Amino acid sequence: MTTDMQNAGEEIRFTFDKFSLGMVLVAATDQGIAAILLGDGKDELHRELVYAFPQARLVADEVGLVDKAEKIVAFLDAPNQGLDLPLDIRGSAQEQAVWEALRNVPAGQTTTYGQIAKSLPLPVTAQDVGAACAANVLAVAIPCHRVVKADGSISGYRWGVQRKRKLINVEAVA
């Protein structure tokens, strides 16, 4: 999660699109995609963007982001195809370490919070992994949906457990 001062006055452009599991908000900076937010409506997604980047200047840009949004929608519907867009990943060192580990989990596979924690060179707990997942604003690009509880059951997901289950199922059959 960024701090207020990290993005003070920074311009972040955003647009909305639809995909098979609802709405997506795509936000970008000059460095890359800064947010991929999933939800059911534009108002909800816009509020989430404001919360994630409270000091940024948010600018709607349907025309300028249309190609990126189309690529992200295609990626959300077929994550195993990969996403060929630069990402502007922001977070603490611990969050970034967790997210990097998650990006190494292949599409169609799952891992546990504890397995991710044990794989890191930092002293991180399963709860820390869960907190990093909750702070992730790059849905599917940082695949927090691939993390399950130690018993294999599906637990919380920033964008809803039902959506998480569907993402895991889509990847499993691809």
C-alpha atoms as a PDB file:
ATOM      1  CA  MET A   1       0.000   0.000   0.000  1.00  0.00           C
ATOM      2  CA  THR A   2       1.410   3.386  -0.891  1.00  0.00           C
ATOM      3  CA  THR A   3       1.644   6.179   1.617  1.00  0.00           C
ATOM      4  CA  ASP A   4       0.056   9.573   1.155  1.00  0.00           C
ATOM      5  CA  MET A   5       3.351  11.274   0.389  1.00  0.00           C
ATOM      6  CA  GLN A   6       4.557   8.691  -2.141  1.00  0.00           C
ATOM      7  CA  ASN A   7       1.949   9.718  -4.693  1.00  0.00           C
ATOM      8  CA  ALA A   8       1.229  13.329  -3.713  1.00  0.00           C
ATOM      9  CA  GLY A   9       0.127  15.098  -6.884  1.00  0.00           C
ATOM     10  CA  GLU A  10       1.072  12.192  -9.126  1.00  0.00           C
ATOM     11  CA  GLU A  11      -1.233  11.654 -12.087  1.00  0.00           C
ATOM     12  CA  ILE A  12      -2.795   8.224 -12.330  1.00  0.00           C
ATOM     13  CA  ARG A  13      -5.019   7.597 -15.337  1.00  0.00           C
ATOM     14  CA  PHE A  14      -7.807   5.057 -15.131  1.00  0.00           C
ATOM     15  CA  THR A  15     -10.590   3.435 -17.095  1.00  0.00           C
ATOM     16  CA  PHE A  16     -13.215   0.739 -16.625  1.00  0.00           C
ATOM     17  CA  ASP A  17     -14.046  -2.362 -18.623  1.00  0.00           C
ATOM     18  CA  LYS A  18     -16.054  -5.540 -18.218  1.00  0.00           C
ATOM     19  CA  PHE A  19     -14.779  -9.100 -18.054  1.00  0.00           C
ATOM     20  CA  SER A  20     -16.325 -12.485 -17.382  1.00  0.00           C
ATOM     21  CA  LEU A  21     -16.406 -12.020 -13.586  1.00  0.00           C
ATOM     22  CA  GLY A  22     -17.590  -8.411 -13.376  1.00  0.00           C
ATOM     23  CA  MET A  23     -16.047  -4.996 -13.803  1.00  0.00           C
ATOM     24  CA  VAL A  24     -12.371  -4.090 -13.841  1.00  0.00           C
ATOM     25  CA  LEU A  25     -10.722  -0.751 -13.190  1.00  0.00           C
ATOM     26  CA  VAL A  26      -7.342  -0.352 -14.862  1.00  0.00           C
ATOM     27  CA  ALA A  27      -5.077   2.424 -13.591  1.00  0.00           C
ATOM     28  CA  ALA A  28      -1.723   3.418 -15.046  1.00  0.00           C
ATOM     29  CA  THR A  29       1.198   5.730 -14.436  1.00  0.00           C
ATOM     30  CA  ASP A  30       4.049   6.515 -16.800  1.00  0.00           C
ATOM     31  CA  GLN A  31       5.884   3.534 -15.242  1.00  0.00           C
ATOM     32  CA  GLY A  32       3.170   0.961 -15.940  1.00  0.00           C
ATOM     33  CA  ILE A  33      -0.065  -0.522 -14.664  1.00  0.00           C
ATOM     34  CA  ALA A  34      -0.510   0.630 -11.061  1.00  0.00           C
ATOM     35  CA  ALA A  35      -3.841  -1.023 -10.277  1.00  0.00           C
ATOM     36  CA  ILE A  36      -6.136  -3.744 -11.569  1.00  0.00           C
ATOM     37  CA  LEU A  37      -9.201  -3.667  -9.356  1.00  0.00           C
ATOM     38  CA  LEU A  38     -12.096  -6.109  -9.630  1.00  0.00           C
ATOM     39  CA  GLY A  39     -15.678  -5.496  -8.602  1.00  0.00           C
ATOM     40  CA  ASP A  40     -19.289  -5.174  -9.588  1.00  0.00           C
ATOM     41  CA  GLY A  41     -19.628  -1.459 -10.277  1.00  0.00           C
ATOM     42  CA  LYS A  42     -17.760   1.664 -11.280  1.00  0.00           C
ATOM     43  CA  ASP A  43     -18.517   3.611  -8.088  1.00  0.00           C
ATOM     44  CA  GLU A  44     -17.169   0.822  -5.864  1.00  0.00           C
ATOM     45  CA  LEU A  45     -14.025   0.496  -7.968  1.00  0.00           C
ATOM     46  CA  HIS A  46     -13.430   4.246  -8.091  1.00  0.00           C
ATOM     47  CA  ARG A  47     -13.679   4.433  -4.279  1.00  0.00           C
ATOM     48  CA  GLU A  48     -11.133   1.639  -4.006  1.00  0.00           C
ATOM     49  CA  LEU A  49      -8.764   3.520  -6.335  1.00  0.00           C
ATOM     50  CA  VAL A  50      -9.120   6.719  -4.284  1.00  0.00           C
ATOM     51  CA  TYR A  51      -8.374   4.735  -1.133  1.00  0.00           C
ATOM     52  CA  ALA A  52      -5.279   3.106  -2.695  1.00  0.00           C
ATOM     53  CA  PHE A  53      -3.877   6.390  -4.025  1.00  0.00           C
ATOM     54  CA  PRO A  54      -5.339   9.119  -1.783  1.00  0.00           C
ATOM     55  CA  GLN A  55      -3.010  11.952  -2.794  1.00  0.00           C
ATOM     56  CA  ALA A  56      -2.778  11.183  -6.514  1.00  0.00           C
ATOM     57  CA  ARG A  57      -4.555  13.176  -9.190  1.00  0.00           C
ATOM     58  CA  LEU A  58      -6.898  10.587 -10.701  1.00  0.00           C
ATOM     59  CA  VAL A  59      -7.812  11.224 -14.321  1.00  0.00           C
ATOM     60  CA  ALA A  60     -10.375   9.212 -16.294  1.00  0.00           C
ATOM     61  CA  ASP A  61      -8.817   8.191 -19.620  1.00  0.00           C
ATOM     62  CA  GLU A  62     -11.052   5.829 -21.585  1.00  0.00           C
ATOM     63  CA  VAL A  63      -9.393   6.561 -24.925  1.00  0.00           C
ATOM     64  CA  GLY A  64      -5.744   6.513 -23.828  1.00  0.00           C
ATOM     65  CA  LEU A  65      -6.045   3.265 -21.878  1.00  0.00           C
ATOM     66  CA  VAL A  66      -8.305   1.305 -24.232  1.00  0.00           C
ATOM     67  CA  ASP A  67      -5.513  -0.951 -25.555  1.00  0.00           C
ATOM     68  CA  LYS A  68      -4.181  -1.668 -22.072  1.00  0.00           C
ATOM     69  CA  ALA A  69      -7.667  -2.340 -20.728  1.00  0.00           C
ATOM     70  CA  GLU A  70      -8.359  -4.779 -23.584  1.00  0.00           C
ATOM     71  CA  LYS A  71      -5.090  -6.638 -22.865  1.00  0.00           C
ATOM     72  CA  ILE A  72      -5.942  -6.813 -19.167  1.00  0.00           C
ATOM     73  CA  VAL A  73      -9.471  -8.098 -19.833  1.00  0.00           C
ATOM     74  CA  ALA A  74      -8.018 -10.805 -22.103  1.00  0.00           C
ATOM     75  CA  PHE A  75      -5.512 -11.659 -19.366  1.00  0.00           C
ATOM     76  CA  LEU A  76      -8.195 -11.798 -16.656  1.00  0.00           C
ATOM     77  CA  ASP A  77     -10.212 -14.216 -18.762  1.00  0.00           C
ATOM     78  CA  ALA A  78      -7.135 -16.344 -19.630  1.00  0.00           C
ATOM     79  CA  PRO A  79      -4.401 -15.741 -16.998  1.00  0.00           C
ATOM     80  CA  ASN A  80      -2.307 -18.623 -18.270  1.00  0.00           C
ATOM     81  CA  GLN A  81      -1.579 -16.515 -21.381  1.00  0.00           C
ATOM     82  CA  GLY A  82       0.397 -14.017 -19.277  1.00  0.00           C
ATOM     83  CA  LEU A  83       0.311 -10.231 -19.249  1.00  0.00           C
ATOM     84  CA  ASP A  84       2.748  -8.377 -21.466  1.00  0.00           C
ATOM     85  CA  LEU A  85       2.463  -4.947 -19.858  1.00  0.00           C
ATOM     86  CA  PRO A  86       4.847  -3.217 -17.437  1.00  0.00           C
ATOM     87  CA  LEU A  87       3.626  -3.035 -13.861  1.00  0.00           C
ATOM     88  CA  ASP A  88       4.139  -0.167 -11.415  1.00  0.00           C
ATOM     89  CA  ILE A  89       4.293  -2.310  -8.255  1.00  0.00           C
ATOM     90  CA  ARG A  90       4.257  -0.378  -4.982  1.00  0.00           C
ATOM     91  CA  GLY A  91       4.520  -1.723  -1.476  1.00  0.00           C
ATOM     92  CA  SER A  92       6.789  -2.331   1.487  1.00  0.00           C
ATOM     93  CA  ALA A  93       9.834  -4.590   1.120  1.00  0.00           C
ATOM     94  CA  GLN A  94       7.891  -7.400   2.818  1.00  0.00           C
ATOM     95  CA  GLU A  95       4.862  -6.959   0.548  1.00  0.00           C
ATOM     96  CA  GLN A  96       7.064  -6.872  -2.537  1.00  0.00           C
ATOM     97  CA  ALA A  97       8.834 -10.084  -1.453  1.00  0.00           C
ATOM     98  CA  VAL A  98       5.487 -11.839  -0.969  1.00  0.00           C
ATOM     99  CA  TRP A  99       4.173 -10.562  -4.292  1.00  0.00           C
ATOM    100  CA  GLU A 100       7.308 -11.682  -6.144  1.00  0.00           C
ATOM    101  CA  ALA A 101       6.931 -15.169  -4.655  1.00  0.00           C
ATOM    102  CA  LEU A 102       3.279 -15.224  -5.745  1.00  0.00           C
ATOM    103  CA  ARG A 103       4.227 -14.230  -9.282  1.00  0.00           C
ATOM    104  CA  ASN A 104       6.303 -17.431  -9.415  1.00  0.00           C
ATOM    105  CA  VAL A 105       3.290 -19.660  -8.683  1.00  0.00           C
ATOM    106  CA  PRO A 106       2.235 -21.040 -12.085  1.00  0.00           C
ATOM    107  CA  ALA A 107      -1.292 -20.487 -13.372  1.00  0.00           C
ATOM    108  CA  GLY A 108      -3.439 -23.487 -12.526  1.00  0.00           C
ATOM    109  CA  GLN A 109      -1.584 -24.195  -9.273  1.00  0.00           C
ATOM    110  CA  THR A 110      -2.191 -23.064  -5.727  1.00  0.00           C
ATOM    111  CA  THR A 111       0.049 -22.653  -2.717  1.00  0.00           C
ATOM    112  CA  THR A 112      -0.573 -21.909   0.939  1.00  0.00           C
ATOM    113  CA  TYR A 113       0.072 -18.811   3.009  1.00  0.00           C
ATOM    114  CA  GLY A 114       2.544 -20.854   5.082  1.00  0.00           C
ATOM    115  CA  GLN A 115       4.407 -22.181   2.037  1.00  0.00           C
ATOM    116  CA  ILE A 116       4.894 -18.653   0.721  1.00  0.00           C
ATOM    117  CA  ALA A 117       6.071 -17.465   4.152  1.00  0.00           C
ATOM    118  CA  LYS A 118       8.616 -20.313   4.393  1.00  0.00           C
ATOM    119  CA  SER A 119       9.916 -19.636   0.871  1.00  0.00           C
ATOM    120  CA  LEU A 120      10.950 -16.067   1.643  1.00  0.00           C
ATOM    121  CA  PRO A 121      14.386 -14.969   2.906  1.00  0.00           C
ATOM    122  CA  LEU A 122      12.609 -12.583   5.321  1.00  0.00           C
ATOM    123  CA  PRO A 123      11.072 -13.547   8.672  1.00  0.00           C
ATOM    124  CA  VAL A 124       7.456 -13.619   7.448  1.00  0.00           C
ATOM    125  CA  THR A 125       4.443 -15.416   8.908  1.00  0.00           C
ATOM    126  CA  ALA A 126       1.427 -16.836   7.115  1.00  0.00           C
ATOM    127  CA  GLN A 127      -0.525 -13.893   8.546  1.00  0.00           C
ATOM    128  CA  ASP A 128       1.986 -11.475   6.985  1.00  0.00           C
ATOM    129  CA  VAL A 129       1.412 -13.180   3.636  1.00  0.00           C
ATOM    130  CA  GLY A 130      -2.332 -12.721   4.095  1.00  0.00           C
ATOM    131  CA  ALA A 131      -1.826  -9.032   4.907  1.00  0.00           C
ATOM    132  CA  ALA A 132       0.308  -8.571   1.776  1.00  0.00           C
ATOM    133  CA  CYS A 133      -2.412 -10.224  -0.286  1.00  0.00           C
ATOM    134  CA  ALA A 134      -4.999  -7.877   1.221  1.00  0.00           C
ATOM    135  CA  ALA A 135      -2.814  -4.880   0.251  1.00  0.00           C
ATOM    136  CA  ASN A 136      -2.394  -6.021  -3.364  1.00  0.00           C
ATOM    137  CA  VAL A 137      -4.011  -3.683  -5.913  1.00  0.00           C
ATOM    138  CA  LEU A 138      -2.886  -5.629  -9.005  1.00  0.00           C
ATOM    139  CA  ALA A 139      -5.486  -8.391  -9.210  1.00  0.00           C
ATOM    140  CA  VAL A 140      -4.359 -11.528 -11.037  1.00  0.00           C
ATOM    141  CA  ALA A 141      -1.114  -9.837 -12.200  1.00  0.00           C
ATOM    142  CA  ILE A 142       0.004 -10.482  -8.625  1.00  0.00           C
ATOM    143  CA  PRO A 143      -1.923 -13.731  -8.219  1.00  0.00           C
ATOM    144  CA  CYS A 144      -3.077 -13.647  -4.602  1.00  0.00           C
ATOM    145  CA  HIS A 145      -6.028 -15.764  -5.685  1.00  0.00           C
ATOM    146  CA  ARG A 146      -3.621 -18.726  -5.939  1.00  0.00           C
ATOM    147  CA  VAL A 147      -3.072 -18.759  -2.157  1.00  0.00           C
ATOM    148  CA  VAL A 148      -5.247 -21.098  -0.108  1.00  0.00           C
ATOM    149  CA  LYS A 149      -5.367 -22.163   3.523  1.00  0.00           C
ATOM    150  CA  ALA A 150      -3.151 -25.014   4.777  1.00  0.00           C
ATOM    151  CA  ASP A 151      -6.095 -27.435   4.520  1.00  0.00           C
ATOM    152  CA  GLY A 152      -6.624 -26.463   0.863  1.00  0.00           C
ATOM    153  CA  SER A 153      -9.799 -24.498   1.492  1.00  0.00           C
ATOM    154  CA  ILE A 154     -10.392 -21.105  -0.044  1.00  0.00           C
ATOM    155  CA  SER A 155     -10.343 -18.192   2.345  1.00  0.00           C
ATOM    156  CA  GLY A 156     -10.596 -14.419   2.061  1.00  0.00           C
ATOM    157  CA  TYR A 157      -9.859 -12.509  -1.088  1.00  0.00           C
ATOM    158  CA  ARG A 158      -9.866  -8.764  -1.545  1.00  0.00           C
ATOM    159  CA  TRP A 159     -12.325  -9.077  -4.425  1.00  0.00           C
ATOM    160  CA  GLY A 160     -14.535 -11.794  -2.920  1.00  0.00           C
ATOM    161  CA  VAL A 161     -14.161 -15.492  -2.177  1.00  0.00           C
ATOM    162  CA  GLN A 162     -16.580 -16.428  -4.965  1.00  0.00           C
ATOM    163  CA  ARG A 163     -14.481 -14.519  -7.506  1.00  0.00           C
ATOM    164  CA  LYS A 164     -11.325 -16.177  -6.108  1.00  0.00           C
ATOM    165  CA  ARG A 165     -12.857 -19.629  -6.527  1.00  0.00           C
ATOM    166  CA  LYS A 166     -13.832 -18.838 -10.131  1.00  0.00           C
ATOM    167  CA  LEU A 167     -10.342 -17.526 -10.961  1.00  0.00           C
ATOM    168  CA  ILE A 168      -8.761 -20.694  -9.564  1.00  0.00           C
ATOM    169  CA  ASN A 169     -11.214 -22.842 -11.553  1.00  0.00           C
ATOM    170  CA  VAL A 170     -10.622 -20.914 -14.793  1.00  0.00           C
ATOM    171  CA  GLU A 171      -6.864 -21.449 -14.441  1.00  0.00           C
ATOM    172  CA  ALA A 172      -7.258 -25.123 -13.548  1.00  0.00           C
ATOM    173  CA  VAL A 173      -9.101 -25.961 -16.757  1.00  0.00           C
ATOM    174  CA  ALA A 174      -6.939 -23.839 -19.065  1.00  0.00           C
END
